[in-house]
Structure formats: structure tokens, C-alpha cells
Amino acid sequence: MKQVLIFLIILLGATIDVFSQRVVLETDVPTLEKETIANVRKQCGITDKTNLYATIVFEVVDTSKRYNGDAFFDTEETIKNYLNRVKIYHYRYESFVYDDRVEHVYVRNRFLAWNIGRYKQKSDIVERENISIAQFLLKGNYDFVYSISEKKFNYAIILLCFKNGLRDLAYLKDGQWYSTPVCGSDDFSFLKPLLEERLKEREIIRERLKK
């Protein structure tokens, strides 16, 4: 049933937004989820008595013009235009596996850019974020998710989530999730609080350097 839903989502995307969801179909998300869950059960000795769920999070690769290696990101750009130019590769994803209480979270194929930089050596922070992400994914029960990781937002965790042909734009800030339904004609202005936070951090750094 889930595979049928994903196929319908892609057909809908073909008529509304033309973007690289073909890769999602080619990846066969439901099968990948089942294989990942089976792998976690085998490696961690988890029996069938414990319900496990999986969500595939694909990394978005921005193909826009770049400056010093970083893609420009405009919060006023429509989601439709953004999705038209980004690419999704079948091997650039992470699998989040979790139980129905999110007491245990397993991440396979660790890849996404939000693990780069300031949190790289802080495993306790990464673990807390993994739990928070899993809680959000469990609640949303999404078919699949895109990770939008941008230097402009200091690599904050930003997700574009797909379910039954609909989309949610969400981000994690100070341990709390913020999300809103979006369509192709909407822009990314919902993310402006993240940009404001980045500017505040820069101002704090400038003030420290003056002392």
C-alpha cells in the first residue's frame, strides 16, 4: 500500500512540480525500510515483539549557482522552483529506525550534512537530536523526507516531509520542532527565525572579538 502511495505522490509531483522524485521510486523506499529494519533486528538482537519503524531521509543536492562552494539559498524562492532544480541521489540518504516509544533510535548510512561541524565531536548532542528527529518522524508517519541542510542556517536540521501527496516544512530549534503545511507556490519564509538566529550568533561573535 505504501509503495502505491509513493507512486501516486510522484505522479502528483509530475503534474504540479517537476523534480527528481524518480529516484525515490527507483530506490523502492518501502523495501529499503523493511531491509533496514531487518538489519537492525539482526545486528541488535531485537525480536519481533518490539515494533520497529523506519523513515528514509534523502539529502537534497542544490544545483544552483555557487559562491565560494556554497549554494545560494533564497527564503523568498518558491518551493516549486527549489524542487525543480535540486537533485536526489539514490545513495545519499539516511535510514532512521525507532520503536513506538522512541526508547531506541538507530541510524544507518549516516550521511547528512547536519552532522558536520560544531556537533561532530559531541556525540551526546547528536544522540539527543537523533531521538528528537525520530519522535518527529514517528508522529508524522511520513512516506519519505528530504533534508535541506544549508550553511546559511548554520546547518540547522530542516526537513521537507512527504505524506499522501502533501508536504510539511519543518525545522528543529532549541530542542523544539516547528512545522507548517506547504505547497509548491509557498516560499521558505517559514525558515526566517533560523536565519535571524544565525545573524544573532554572528553579532555575538563580533562583540567578543571587539573585547
Foldseek 3Di string as FASTA:
>chain_A
DLLVLLVVLVVLCVVAADAACVLVNVLVLVVVFVVVVVVCCVVVVNDPVFDKGKAKEWEKAAPADDDPPFHDDDQQDFQRVRRNGIYTHSLGIKMWMATPVLPDIDIPSDHDDLCDDPCVPPVVVVVLVSSLVVVVCSVVVFSHKYFDAHVLLVRFTWIWTHHSNWTKTWTADPNDIDIDTDDRGHGNVVCVVSNVVVVVVVVVVVVVVVD
